[in-house]
C-alpha atoms as a PDB file:
ATOM      1  CA  UNK A   1      -1.917 172.870  51.484  1.00  0.00           C
ATOM      2  CA  UNK A   2      -0.659 175.122  48.696  1.00  0.00           C
ATOM      3  CA  UNK A   3       2.900 176.382  48.520  1.00  0.00           C
ATOM      4  CA  UNK A   4       2.817 179.691  46.682  1.00  0.00           C
ATOM      5  CA  UNK A   5       6.332 180.735  47.596  1.00  0.00           C
ATOM      6  CA  UNK A   6       8.109 177.509  46.635  1.00  0.00           C
ATOM      7  CA  UNK A   7       9.413 178.959  43.352  1.00  0.00           C
ATOM      8  CA  UNK A   8      10.927 182.005  45.076  1.00  0.00           C
ATOM      9  CA  UNK A   9      12.269 179.853  47.913  1.00  0.00           C
ATOM     10  CA  UNK A  10      13.975 177.520  45.427  1.00  0.00           C
ATOM     11  CA  UNK A  11      15.943 180.460  44.061  1.00  0.00           C
ATOM     12  CA  UNK A  12      16.809 181.961  47.450  1.00  0.00           C
ATOM     13  CA  UNK A  13      20.357 182.441  48.670  1.00  0.00           C
ATOM     14  CA  UNK A  14      21.971 179.163  49.821  1.00  0.00           C
ATOM     15  CA  UNK A  15      18.856 177.065  49.017  1.00  0.00           C
ATOM     16  CA  UNK A  16      19.789 173.964  47.039  1.00  0.00           C
ATOM     17  CA  UNK A  17      16.282 172.536  46.645  1.00  0.00           C
ATOM     18  CA  UNK A  18      12.784 172.467  48.131  1.00  0.00           C
ATOM     19  CA  UNK A  19      10.565 169.404  48.409  1.00  0.00           C
ATOM     20  CA  UNK A  20       7.031 169.130  49.722  1.00  0.00           C
ATOM     21  CA  UNK A  21       5.058 165.980  50.309  1.00  0.00           C
ATOM     22  CA  UNK A  22       1.783 165.925  52.195  1.00  0.00           C
ATOM     23  CA  UNK A  23       2.287 167.848  55.402  1.00  0.00           C
ATOM     24  CA  UNK A  24       6.101 168.111  55.210  1.00  0.00           C
ATOM     25  CA  UNK A  25       8.241 170.778  53.579  1.00  0.00           C
ATOM     26  CA  UNK A  26      11.962 170.096  53.240  1.00  0.00           C
ATOM     27  CA  UNK A  27      14.350 172.931  52.437  1.00  0.00           C
ATOM     28  CA  UNK A  28      17.912 171.878  51.633  1.00  0.00           C
ATOM     29  CA  UNK A  29      20.403 174.639  52.420  1.00  0.00           C
ATOM     30  CA  UNK A  30      23.932 174.335  51.041  1.00  0.00           C
ATOM     31  CA  UNK A  31      25.620 175.827  54.086  1.00  0.00           C
ATOM     32  CA  UNK A  32      25.057 177.853  57.229  1.00  0.00           C
ATOM     33  CA  UNK A  33      27.670 180.340  58.246  1.00  0.00           C
ATOM     34  CA  UNK A  34      28.433 180.806  61.930  1.00  0.00           C
ATOM     35  CA  UNK A  35      27.152 184.130  63.289  1.00  0.00           C
ATOM     36  CA  UNK A  36      25.424 185.007  59.976  1.00  0.00           C
ATOM     37  CA  UNK A  37      21.637 184.890  60.362  1.00  0.00           C
ATOM     38  CA  UNK A  38      19.499 184.111  57.314  1.00  0.00           C
ATOM     39  CA  UNK A  39      15.747 184.402  56.963  1.00  0.00           C
ATOM     40  CA  UNK A  40      13.427 182.624  54.550  1.00  0.00           C
ATOM     41  CA  UNK A  41       9.723 183.115  53.998  1.00  0.00           C
ATOM     42  CA  UNK A  42       7.392 180.231  53.299  1.00  0.00           C
ATOM     43  CA  UNK A  43       3.754 181.089  52.711  1.00  0.00           C
ATOM     44  CA  UNK A  44       1.249 178.304  53.307  1.00  0.00           C
ATOM     45  CA  UNK A  45      -2.448 178.614  52.487  1.00  0.00           C
ATOM     46  CA  UNK A  46      -4.984 176.722  54.559  1.00  0.00           C
ATOM     47  CA  UNK A  47      -7.518 175.135  52.210  1.00  0.00           C
ATOM     48  CA  UNK A  48      -9.943 173.774  54.813  1.00  0.00           C
ATOM     49  CA  UNK A  49     -10.932 175.196  58.185  1.00  0.00           C
ATOM     50  CA  UNK A  50      -9.401 173.233  61.048  1.00  0.00           C
ATOM     51  CA  UNK A  51     -10.387 173.406  64.694  1.00  0.00           C
ATOM     52  CA  UNK A  52      -7.905 172.973  67.529  1.00  0.00           C
ATOM     53  CA  UNK A  53      -4.816 173.644  65.420  1.00  0.00           C
ATOM     54  CA  UNK A  54      -1.695 172.173  66.979  1.00  0.00           C
ATOM     55  CA  UNK A  55       1.775 173.716  66.802  1.00  0.00           C
ATOM     56  CA  UNK A  56       3.927 172.692  63.853  1.00  0.00           C
ATOM     57  CA  UNK A  57       7.408 171.369  64.517  1.00  0.00           C
ATOM     58  CA  UNK A  58      10.255 173.113  62.723  1.00  0.00           C
ATOM     59  CA  UNK A  59      13.422 171.045  62.707  1.00  0.00           C
ATOM     60  CA  UNK A  60      16.862 171.898  61.409  1.00  0.00           C
ATOM     61  CA  UNK A  61      19.623 169.339  61.127  1.00  0.00           C
ATOM     62  CA  UNK A  62      22.821 168.563  59.282  1.00  0.00           C
ATOM     63  CA  UNK A  63      22.014 166.132  56.463  1.00  0.00           C
ATOM     64  CA  UNK A  64      25.343 164.365  56.935  1.00  0.00           C
ATOM     65  CA  UNK A  65      25.240 164.478  60.761  1.00  0.00           C
ATOM     66  CA  UNK A  66      21.537 164.031  61.692  1.00  0.00           C
ATOM     67  CA  UNK A  67      22.426 163.934  65.392  1.00  0.00           C
ATOM     68  CA  UNK A  68      23.462 167.596  65.060  1.00  0.00           C
ATOM     69  CA  UNK A  69      19.947 169.065  65.202  1.00  0.00           C
ATOM     70  CA  UNK A  70      17.532 171.427  66.893  1.00  0.00           C
ATOM     71  CA  UNK A  71      13.787 171.948  66.715  1.00  0.00           C
ATOM     72  CA  UNK A  72      11.121 174.372  67.838  1.00  0.00           C
ATOM     73  CA  UNK A  73       7.355 174.768  67.542  1.00  0.00           C
ATOM     74  CA  UNK A  74       5.574 177.263  65.324  1.00  0.00           C
ATOM     75  CA  UNK A  75       2.147 178.401  66.475  1.00  0.00           C
ATOM     76  CA  UNK A  76      -0.056 180.164  63.953  1.00  0.00           C
ATOM     77  CA  UNK A  77      -0.616 183.688  65.406  1.00  0.00           C
ATOM     78  CA  UNK A  78      -4.414 183.624  65.012  1.00  0.00           C
ATOM     79  CA  UNK A  79      -4.645 180.552  67.266  1.00  0.00           C
ATOM     80  CA  UNK A  80      -3.209 182.408  70.258  1.00  0.00           C
ATOM     81  CA  UNK A  81      -5.297 185.561  69.734  1.00  0.00           C
END
């Protein structure tokens, strides 16, 4: 997996740092403000064709309070078409 956008993501508003290792990408955000939505773009490039792609889990949690968390699944749009 290549991460083309990691340089831009590292300099994005409220992003402290970005780490990627194998199949995980960690984005450390300095703070989230209540009722203020933020959007980030992460572009991943598939290097090898894969059959039966499974949804990816996207998890957000407070680094200092890991029990305060939520997650969802991301399904690549071409899989459902």
